Each structure stands twice: as C-alpha cells, then as structure tokens.
Amino acid sequence: MDSKEVFEKVKSLIAEKLEIDESKITMNASFRKDLGADSLDTYELVYAIEEELGISIPDEKANEFETVKDAVDFLSTQL
C-alpha cells in the first residue's frame, strides 16, 4: 500500500470519526488546529486506524502525530 492509498483510507476514517467533510482533510492539516480533534478524538481515530489496517500503533508514536502527514508517513512504513 503506497502513501496515496494510506492517505485515502486515513482521510475516510478521519471524516467519519470527526464528522467533517473529506475536502477539509489535507496532508498538512493539523488534527487539533485544523480538524478540531481533541485527545479523545485522536485516541478513537488511532484505534479505528489500527482496526482498519490491522496494525498496532504504539501510544508514544500516536502522541507524535500532529498532522495527517505524520500519521500517513508512519503508517506507510508499517504496511
């Protein structure tokens, strides 16, 4: 799975969990500032990504995700 495919999957999950339009979700979007996610939203999102992609994301790594790109870059290395 390449970065573009990972981004599309993550974008879909973000839109669903945060109840926002996919068009607002870019690689450079900040989870907190641009997408309005709080810490609980972020936790639920990480869990949904783990379920969807069948991987485990360590908590310390998940806490480093500031932007969508941070998450996609990490996930791309794991798949």
Protein backbone atom coordinates (compact mmCIF):
# COMPACT_ATOMS: atom_id res chain seq x y z
CA MET A 1 0.00 0.00 0.00
CA ASP A 2 1.55 3.32 -1.03
CA SER A 3 1.24 6.69 0.72
CA LYS A 4 -1.61 7.81 -1.51
CA GLU A 5 -3.68 4.73 -0.64
CA VAL A 6 -2.87 5.12 3.06
CA PHE A 7 -3.90 8.79 2.90
CA GLU A 8 -7.24 7.92 1.26
CA LYS A 9 -8.02 5.32 3.95
CA VAL A 10 -6.95 7.64 6.78
CA LYS A 11 -8.88 10.55 5.26
CA SER A 12 -12.04 8.45 5.14
CA LEU A 13 -11.64 7.41 8.78
CA ILE A 14 -10.95 10.98 9.90
CA ALA A 15 -14.05 12.26 8.09
CA GLU A 16 -16.16 9.53 9.69
CA LYS A 17 -14.83 9.88 13.24
CA LEU A 18 -14.66 13.68 13.35
CA GLU A 19 -17.83 14.10 11.27
CA ILE A 20 -16.22 16.53 8.85
CA ASP A 21 -16.12 16.79 5.08
CA GLU A 22 -13.26 14.89 3.42
CA SER A 23 -12.42 18.00 1.36
CA LYS A 24 -11.14 19.69 4.57
CA ILE A 25 -8.62 16.91 5.18
CA THR A 26 -5.22 17.51 3.61
CA MET A 27 -1.80 16.01 4.31
CA ASN A 28 -0.78 19.24 6.08
CA ALA A 29 -3.93 19.51 8.20
CA SER A 30 -3.29 19.58 11.94
CA PHE A 31 -5.50 17.15 13.84
CA ARG A 32 -6.14 19.66 16.62
CA LYS A 33 -5.95 23.10 14.96
CA ASP A 34 -7.42 22.39 11.52
CA LEU A 35 -9.65 19.40 12.13
CA GLY A 36 -10.81 20.18 15.66
CA ALA A 37 -9.81 16.85 17.21
CA ASP A 38 -9.38 16.66 20.97
CA SER A 39 -7.38 13.98 22.78
CA LEU A 40 -10.34 11.58 22.92
CA ASP A 41 -10.99 12.04 19.18
CA THR A 42 -7.34 11.32 18.49
CA TYR A 43 -7.42 8.15 20.60
CA GLU A 44 -10.57 6.90 18.84
CA LEU A 45 -9.03 7.71 15.47
CA VAL A 46 -5.84 5.78 16.22
CA TYR A 47 -7.95 2.81 17.35
CA ALA A 48 -10.03 2.96 14.15
CA ILE A 49 -6.86 3.10 12.02
CA GLU A 50 -5.41 0.11 13.86
CA GLU A 51 -8.63 -1.86 13.27
CA GLU A 52 -8.94 -0.87 9.61
CA LEU A 53 -5.31 -1.51 8.66
CA GLY A 54 -4.64 -4.41 11.04
CA ILE A 55 -1.59 -2.84 12.66
CA SER A 56 -0.61 -1.65 16.11
CA ILE A 57 0.44 1.95 16.75
CA PRO A 58 2.42 2.46 19.98
CA ASP A 59 0.95 5.19 22.22
CA GLU A 60 4.18 7.17 22.24
CA LYS A 61 4.18 7.17 18.42
CA ALA A 62 0.49 8.12 18.20
CA ASN A 63 1.16 11.08 20.51
CA GLU A 64 3.66 12.41 17.94
CA PHE A 65 1.01 12.70 15.21
CA GLU A 66 0.47 16.44 14.79
CA THR A 67 -0.63 16.41 11.16
CA VAL A 68 -2.30 13.94 8.84
CA LYS A 69 1.08 13.63 7.06
CA ASP A 70 2.75 12.48 10.31
CA ALA A 71 0.25 9.64 10.60
CA VAL A 72 0.38 8.70 6.90
CA ASP A 73 4.20 8.69 6.87
CA PHE A 74 4.35 6.38 9.89
CA LEU A 75 1.63 4.07 8.58
CA SER A 76 3.30 3.84 5.18
CA THR A 77 6.43 2.46 6.84
CA GLN A 78 4.38 -0.16 8.70
CA LEU A 79 2.44 -1.59 5.77
